[in-house]
Amino acid sequence: MSTDEIRELLLDLQRLALETEQAEQAILRKAKERLSQLPEAPSSETERRLLRGVLYRAESALGLKNQIE
């Protein structure tokens, strides 16, 4: 594999990493918005728990990315 091919692959990986980070940020934003819209009712508790799980995973993914940099 040539240096140019390796460079091209690295640029592709960097682009994919940026797209992934942007997607995680969008997921985080949407989950926070939805969570803030839910009523404080027992019937909302299941969705509230699911959204908290989504928030946890998105925050973890973004935090891990920041640790790597």
PDB file of N, CA and C in Angstrom:
ATOM      1  N   MET A   1       0.850  -1.162   0.000  1.00  0.00           N
ATOM      2  CA  MET A   1       0.000   0.000   0.000  1.00  0.00           C
ATOM      3  C   MET A   1       0.903   1.235   0.000  1.00  0.00           C
ATOM      4  N   SER A   2       0.604   2.150  -0.887  1.00  0.00           N
ATOM      5  CA  SER A   2       1.445   3.341  -1.015  1.00  0.00           C
ATOM      6  C   SER A   2       1.103   4.377   0.055  1.00  0.00           C
ATOM      7  N   THR A   3       1.989   5.336   0.193  1.00  0.00           N
ATOM      8  CA  THR A   3       1.776   6.422   1.150  1.00  0.00           C
ATOM      9  C   THR A   3       0.519   7.205   0.804  1.00  0.00           C
ATOM     10  N   ASP A   4       0.291   7.439  -0.471  1.00  0.00           N
ATOM     11  CA  ASP A   4      -0.908   8.169  -0.890  1.00  0.00           C
ATOM     12  C   ASP A   4      -2.180   7.396  -0.553  1.00  0.00           C
ATOM     13  N   GLU A   5      -2.148   6.092  -0.720  1.00  0.00           N
ATOM     14  CA  GLU A   5      -3.317   5.273  -0.386  1.00  0.00           C
ATOM     15  C   GLU A   5      -3.586   5.290   1.114  1.00  0.00           C
ATOM     16  N   ILE A   6      -2.529   5.224   1.887  1.00  0.00           N
ATOM     17  CA  ILE A   6      -2.675   5.285   3.342  1.00  0.00           C
ATOM     18  C   ILE A   6      -3.220   6.645   3.754  1.00  0.00           C
ATOM     19  N   ARG A   7      -2.703   7.699   3.170  1.00  0.00           N
ATOM     20  CA  ARG A   7      -3.174   9.050   3.472  1.00  0.00           C
ATOM     21  C   ARG A   7      -4.663   9.175   3.135  1.00  0.00           C
ATOM     22  N   GLU A   8      -5.060   8.630   1.991  1.00  0.00           N
ATOM     23  CA  GLU A   8      -6.463   8.681   1.574  1.00  0.00           C
ATOM     24  C   GLU A   8      -7.357   7.917   2.558  1.00  0.00           C
ATOM     25  N   LEU A   9      -6.894   6.764   2.993  1.00  0.00           N
ATOM     26  CA  LEU A   9      -7.651   5.991   3.979  1.00  0.00           C
ATOM     27  C   LEU A   9      -7.779   6.743   5.302  1.00  0.00           C
ATOM     28  N   LEU A  10      -6.717   7.377   5.728  1.00  0.00           N
ATOM     29  CA  LEU A  10      -6.759   8.154   6.971  1.00  0.00           C
ATOM     30  C   LEU A  10      -7.724   9.328   6.859  1.00  0.00           C
ATOM     31  N   LEU A  11      -7.750   9.971   5.719  1.00  0.00           N
ATOM     32  CA  LEU A  11      -8.690  11.072   5.508  1.00  0.00           C
ATOM     33  C   LEU A  11     -10.132  10.566   5.523  1.00  0.00           C
ATOM     34  N   ASP A  12     -10.360   9.402   4.927  1.00  0.00           N
ATOM     35  CA  ASP A  12     -11.695   8.797   4.964  1.00  0.00           C
ATOM     36  C   ASP A  12     -12.111   8.481   6.397  1.00  0.00           C
ATOM     37  N   LEU A  13     -11.189   7.933   7.170  1.00  0.00           N
ATOM     38  CA  LEU A  13     -11.482   7.624   8.571  1.00  0.00           C
ATOM     39  C   LEU A  13     -11.776   8.885   9.370  1.00  0.00           C
ATOM     40  N   GLN A  14     -11.033   9.938   9.102  1.00  0.00           N
ATOM     41  CA  GLN A  14     -11.259  11.205   9.792  1.00  0.00           C
ATOM     42  C   GLN A  14     -12.641  11.758   9.447  1.00  0.00           C
ATOM     43  N   ARG A  15     -13.022  11.668   8.181  1.00  0.00           N
ATOM     44  CA  ARG A  15     -14.342  12.141   7.746  1.00  0.00           C
ATOM     45  C   ARG A  15     -15.445  11.332   8.424  1.00  0.00           C
ATOM     46  N   LEU A  16     -15.283  10.019   8.471  1.00  0.00           N
ATOM     47  CA  LEU A  16     -16.274   9.166   9.121  1.00  0.00           C
ATOM     48  C   LEU A  16     -16.368   9.452  10.618  1.00  0.00           C
ATOM     49  N   ALA A  17     -15.248   9.716  11.249  1.00  0.00           N
ATOM     50  CA  ALA A  17     -15.248  10.053  12.674  1.00  0.00           C
ATOM     51  C   ALA A  17     -16.009  11.350  12.923  1.00  0.00           C
ATOM     52  N   LEU A  18     -15.823  12.322  12.057  1.00  0.00           N
ATOM     53  CA  LEU A  18     -16.540  13.588  12.191  1.00  0.00           C
ATOM     54  C   LEU A  18     -18.040  13.386  11.997  1.00  0.00           C
ATOM     55  N   GLU A  19     -18.415  12.601  10.997  1.00  0.00           N
ATOM     56  CA  GLU A  19     -19.832  12.312  10.765  1.00  0.00           C
ATOM     57  C   GLU A  19     -20.443  11.593  11.964  1.00  0.00           C
ATOM     58  N   THR A  20     -19.700  10.672  12.542  1.00  0.00           N
ATOM     59  CA  THR A  20     -20.179   9.934  13.706  1.00  0.00           C
ATOM     60  C   THR A  20     -20.365  10.870  14.892  1.00  0.00           C
ATOM     61  N   GLU A  21     -19.407  11.749  15.107  1.00  0.00           N
ATOM     62  CA  GLU A  21     -19.516  12.707  16.212  1.00  0.00           C
ATOM     63  C   GLU A  21     -20.726  13.615  16.021  1.00  0.00           C
ATOM     64  N   GLN A  22     -20.938  14.090  14.816  1.00  0.00           N
ATOM     65  CA  GLN A  22     -22.089  14.945  14.543  1.00  0.00           C
ATOM     66  C   GLN A  22     -23.398  14.197  14.778  1.00  0.00           C
ATOM     67  N   ALA A  23     -23.442  12.931  14.397  1.00  0.00           N
ATOM     68  CA  ALA A  23     -24.639  12.119  14.618  1.00  0.00           C
ATOM     69  C   ALA A  23     -24.880  11.917  16.114  1.00  0.00           C
ATOM     70  N   GLU A  24     -23.835  11.640  16.870  1.00  0.00           N
ATOM     71  CA  GLU A  24     -23.961  11.478  18.324  1.00  0.00           C
ATOM     72  C   GLU A  24     -24.459  12.769  18.971  1.00  0.00           C
ATOM     73  N   GLN A  25     -23.955  13.905  18.511  1.00  0.00           N
ATOM     74  CA  GLN A  25     -24.402  15.187  19.054  1.00  0.00           C
ATOM     75  C   GLN A  25     -25.875  15.430  18.730  1.00  0.00           C
ATOM     76  N   ALA A  26     -26.308  15.056  17.531  1.00  0.00           N
ATOM     77  CA  ALA A  26     -27.713  15.210  17.146  1.00  0.00           C
ATOM     78  C   ALA A  26     -28.599  14.299  17.994  1.00  0.00           C
ATOM     79  N   ILE A  27     -28.152  13.072  18.213  1.00  0.00           N
ATOM     80  CA  ILE A  27     -28.901  12.137  19.058  1.00  0.00           C
ATOM     81  C   ILE A  27     -29.025  12.701  20.469  1.00  0.00           C
ATOM     82  N   LEU A  28     -27.940  13.210  20.994  1.00  0.00           N
ATOM     83  CA  LEU A  28     -27.924  13.790  22.333  1.00  0.00           C
ATOM     84  C   LEU A  28     -28.899  14.960  22.431  1.00  0.00           C
ATOM     85  N   ARG A  29     -28.847  15.846  21.456  1.00  0.00           N
ATOM     86  CA  ARG A  29     -29.728  17.015  21.439  1.00  0.00           C
ATOM     87  C   ARG A  29     -31.203  16.600  21.376  1.00  0.00           C
ATOM     88  N   LYS A  30     -31.532  15.668  20.486  1.00  0.00           N
ATOM     89  CA  LYS A  30     -32.925  15.239  20.330  1.00  0.00           C
ATOM     90  C   LYS A  30     -33.432  14.507  21.567  1.00  0.00           C
ATOM     91  N   ALA A  31     -32.587  13.684  22.164  1.00  0.00           N
ATOM     92  CA  ALA A  31     -32.994  12.967  23.374  1.00  0.00           C
ATOM     93  C   ALA A  31     -33.241  13.947  24.523  1.00  0.00           C
ATOM     94  N   LYS A  32     -32.392  14.957  24.650  1.00  0.00           N
ATOM     95  CA  LYS A  32     -32.585  15.966  25.694  1.00  0.00           C
ATOM     96  C   LYS A  32     -33.875  16.746  25.466  1.00  0.00           C
ATOM     97  N   GLU A  33     -34.139  17.108  24.211  1.00  0.00           N
ATOM     98  CA  GLU A  33     -35.371  17.837  23.890  1.00  0.00           C
ATOM     99  C   GLU A  33     -36.595  17.007  24.252  1.00  0.00           C
ATOM    100  N   ARG A  34     -36.584  15.743  23.848  1.00  0.00           N
ATOM    101  CA  ARG A  34     -37.728  14.870  24.122  1.00  0.00           C
ATOM    102  C   ARG A  34     -37.897  14.663  25.616  1.00  0.00           C
ATOM    103  N   LEU A  35     -36.817  14.463  26.321  1.00  0.00           N
ATOM    104  CA  LEU A  35     -36.884  14.256  27.765  1.00  0.00           C
ATOM    105  C   LEU A  35     -37.487  15.477  28.463  1.00  0.00           C
ATOM    106  N   SER A  36     -37.130  16.654  27.999  1.00  0.00           N
ATOM    107  CA  SER A  36     -37.668  17.874  28.617  1.00  0.00           C
ATOM    108  C   SER A  36     -39.151  18.064  28.311  1.00  0.00           C
ATOM    109  N   GLN A  37     -39.651  17.421  27.266  1.00  0.00           N
ATOM    110  CA  GLN A  37     -41.061  17.554  26.887  1.00  0.00           C
ATOM    111  C   GLN A  37     -41.969  16.543  27.585  1.00  0.00           C
ATOM    112  N   LEU A  38     -41.377  15.512  28.164  1.00  0.00           N
ATOM    113  CA  LEU A  38     -42.188  14.468  28.793  1.00  0.00           C
ATOM    114  C   LEU A  38     -42.830  14.978  30.075  1.00  0.00           C
ATOM    115  N   PRO A  39     -44.087  14.633  30.272  1.00  0.00           N
ATOM    116  CA  PRO A  39     -44.737  15.016  31.531  1.00  0.00           C
ATOM    117  C   PRO A  39     -44.193  14.180  32.688  1.00  0.00           C
ATOM    118  N   GLU A  40     -44.266  14.728  33.877  1.00  0.00           N
ATOM    119  CA  GLU A  40     -43.815  14.017  35.083  1.00  0.00           C
ATOM    120  C   GLU A  40     -44.922  13.070  35.547  1.00  0.00           C
ATOM    121  N   ALA A  41     -45.269  12.136  34.689  1.00  0.00           N
ATOM    122  CA  ALA A  41     -46.339  11.191  35.002  1.00  0.00           C
ATOM    123  C   ALA A  41     -45.774   9.774  35.015  1.00  0.00           C
ATOM    124  N   PRO A  42     -46.370   8.909  35.828  1.00  0.00           N
ATOM    125  CA  PRO A  42     -45.905   7.515  35.860  1.00  0.00           C
ATOM    126  C   PRO A  42     -45.954   6.841  34.483  1.00  0.00           C
ATOM    127  N   SER A  43     -46.881   7.241  33.651  1.00  0.00           N
ATOM    128  CA  SER A  43     -46.998   6.634  32.322  1.00  0.00           C
ATOM    129  C   SER A  43     -45.812   6.977  31.419  1.00  0.00           C
ATOM    130  N   SER A  44     -45.052   8.002  31.760  1.00  0.00           N
ATOM    131  CA  SER A  44     -43.894   8.420  30.962  1.00  0.00           C
ATOM    132  C   SER A  44     -42.587   7.797  31.443  1.00  0.00           C
ATOM    133  N   GLU A  45     -42.649   7.045  32.526  1.00  0.00           N
ATOM    134  CA  GLU A  45     -41.413   6.556  33.147  1.00  0.00           C
ATOM    135  C   GLU A  45     -40.610   5.624  32.239  1.00  0.00           C
ATOM    136  N   THR A  46     -41.279   4.770  31.480  1.00  0.00           N
ATOM    137  CA  THR A  46     -40.553   3.852  30.591  1.00  0.00           C
ATOM    138  C   THR A  46     -39.786   4.631  29.532  1.00  0.00           C
ATOM    139  N   GLU A  47     -40.456   5.580  28.897  1.00  0.00           N
ATOM    140  CA  GLU A  47     -39.781   6.386  27.874  1.00  0.00           C
ATOM    141  C   GLU A  47     -38.663   7.217  28.498  1.00  0.00           C
ATOM    142  N   ARG A  48     -38.902   7.719  29.687  1.00  0.00           N
ATOM    143  CA  ARG A  48     -37.892   8.516  30.396  1.00  0.00           C
ATOM    144  C   ARG A  48     -36.630   7.677  30.651  1.00  0.00           C
ATOM    145  N   ARG A  49     -36.810   6.424  31.088  1.00  0.00           N
ATOM    146  CA  ARG A  49     -35.667   5.536  31.329  1.00  0.00           C
ATOM    147  C   ARG A  49     -34.914   5.237  30.039  1.00  0.00           C
ATOM    148  N   LEU A  50     -35.660   4.977  28.967  1.00  0.00           N
ATOM    149  CA  LEU A  50     -35.021   4.715  27.675  1.00  0.00           C
ATOM    150  C   LEU A  50     -34.215   5.922  27.203  1.00  0.00           C
ATOM    151  N   LEU A  51     -34.780   7.102  27.344  1.00  0.00           N
ATOM    152  CA  LEU A  51     -34.077   8.318  26.928  1.00  0.00           C
ATOM    153  C   LEU A  51     -32.828   8.557  27.772  1.00  0.00           C
ATOM    154  N   ARG A  52     -32.911   8.270  29.057  1.00  0.00           N
ATOM    155  CA  ARG A  52     -31.717   8.412  29.902  1.00  0.00           C
ATOM    156  C   ARG A  52     -30.616   7.466  29.444  1.00  0.00           C
ATOM    157  N   GLY A  53     -30.999   6.266  29.011  1.00  0.00           N
ATOM    158  CA  GLY A  53     -30.022   5.319  28.473  1.00  0.00           C
ATOM    159  C   GLY A  53     -29.393   5.833  27.194  1.00  0.00           C
ATOM    160  N   VAL A  54     -30.212   6.425  26.331  1.00  0.00           N
ATOM    161  CA  VAL A  54     -29.707   7.013  25.086  1.00  0.00           C
ATOM    162  C   VAL A  54     -28.734   8.145  25.407  1.00  0.00           C
ATOM    163  N   LEU A  55     -29.114   9.001  26.346  1.00  0.00           N
ATOM    164  CA  LEU A  55     -28.244  10.113  26.745  1.00  0.00           C
ATOM    165  C   LEU A  55     -26.917   9.593  27.291  1.00  0.00           C
ATOM    166  N   TYR A  56     -26.984   8.581  28.128  1.00  0.00           N
ATOM    167  CA  TYR A  56     -25.768   8.018  28.721  1.00  0.00           C
ATOM    168  C   TYR A  56     -24.827   7.490  27.638  1.00  0.00           C
ATOM    169  N   ARG A  57     -25.386   6.731  26.692  1.00  0.00           N
ATOM    170  CA  ARG A  57     -24.541   6.157  25.634  1.00  0.00           C
ATOM    171  C   ARG A  57     -23.954   7.237  24.732  1.00  0.00           C
ATOM    172  N   ALA A  58     -24.758   8.241  24.377  1.00  0.00           N
ATOM    173  CA  ALA A  58     -24.254   9.313  23.512  1.00  0.00           C
ATOM    174  C   ALA A  58     -23.174  10.119  24.231  1.00  0.00           C
ATOM    175  N   GLU A  59     -23.420  10.446  25.499  1.00  0.00           N
ATOM    176  CA  GLU A  59     -22.414  11.191  26.262  1.00  0.00           C
ATOM    177  C   GLU A  59     -21.138  10.373  26.427  1.00  0.00           C
ATOM    178  N   SER A  60     -21.283   9.077  26.637  1.00  0.00           N
ATOM    179  CA  SER A  60     -20.110   8.206  26.771  1.00  0.00           C
ATOM    180  C   SER A  60     -19.312   8.166  25.478  1.00  0.00           C
ATOM    181  N   ALA A  61     -20.006   8.044  24.363  1.00  0.00           N
ATOM    182  CA  ALA A  61     -19.326   7.993  23.062  1.00  0.00           C
ATOM    183  C   ALA A  61     -18.585   9.298  22.797  1.00  0.00           C
ATOM    184  N   LEU A  62     -19.222  10.409  23.089  1.00  0.00           N
ATOM    185  CA  LEU A  62     -18.571  11.702  22.867  1.00  0.00           C
ATOM    186  C   LEU A  62     -17.425  11.908  23.849  1.00  0.00           C
ATOM    187  N   GLY A  63     -17.584  11.465  25.080  1.00  0.00           N
ATOM    188  CA  GLY A  63     -16.520  11.583  26.074  1.00  0.00           C
ATOM    189  C   GLY A  63     -15.319  10.733  25.724  1.00  0.00           C
ATOM    190  N   LEU A  64     -15.570   9.538  25.227  1.00  0.00           N
ATOM    191  CA  LEU A  64     -14.481   8.656  24.822  1.00  0.00           C
ATOM    192  C   LEU A  64     -13.711   9.279  23.672  1.00  0.00           C
ATOM    193  N   LYS A  65     -14.411   9.884  22.739  1.00  0.00           N
ATOM    194  CA  LYS A  65     -13.755  10.526  21.602  1.00  0.00           C
ATOM    195  C   LYS A  65     -12.844  11.646  22.096  1.00  0.00           C
ATOM    196  N   ASN A  66     -13.317  12.429  23.062  1.00  0.00           N
ATOM    197  CA  ASN A  66     -12.507  13.526  23.595  1.00  0.00           C
ATOM    198  C   ASN A  66     -11.274  13.005  24.328  1.00  0.00           C
ATOM    199  N   GLN A  67     -11.380  11.845  24.971  1.00  0.00           N
ATOM    200  CA  GLN A  67     -10.227  11.267  25.662  1.00  0.00           C
ATOM    201  C   GLN A  67      -9.166  10.809  24.678  1.00  0.00           C
ATOM    202  N   ILE A  68      -9.601  10.327  23.525  1.00  0.00           N
ATOM    203  CA  ILE A  68      -8.664   9.831  22.515  1.00  0.00           C
ATOM    204  C   ILE A  68      -7.873  10.980  21.913  1.00  0.00           C
ATOM    205  N   GLU A  69      -8.519  12.109  21.715  1.00  0.00           N
ATOM    206  CA  GLU A  69      -7.833  13.266  21.129  1.00  0.00           C
ATOM    207  C   GLU A  69      -6.901  13.813  22.152  1.00  0.00           C
TER     208      GLU A  69
END
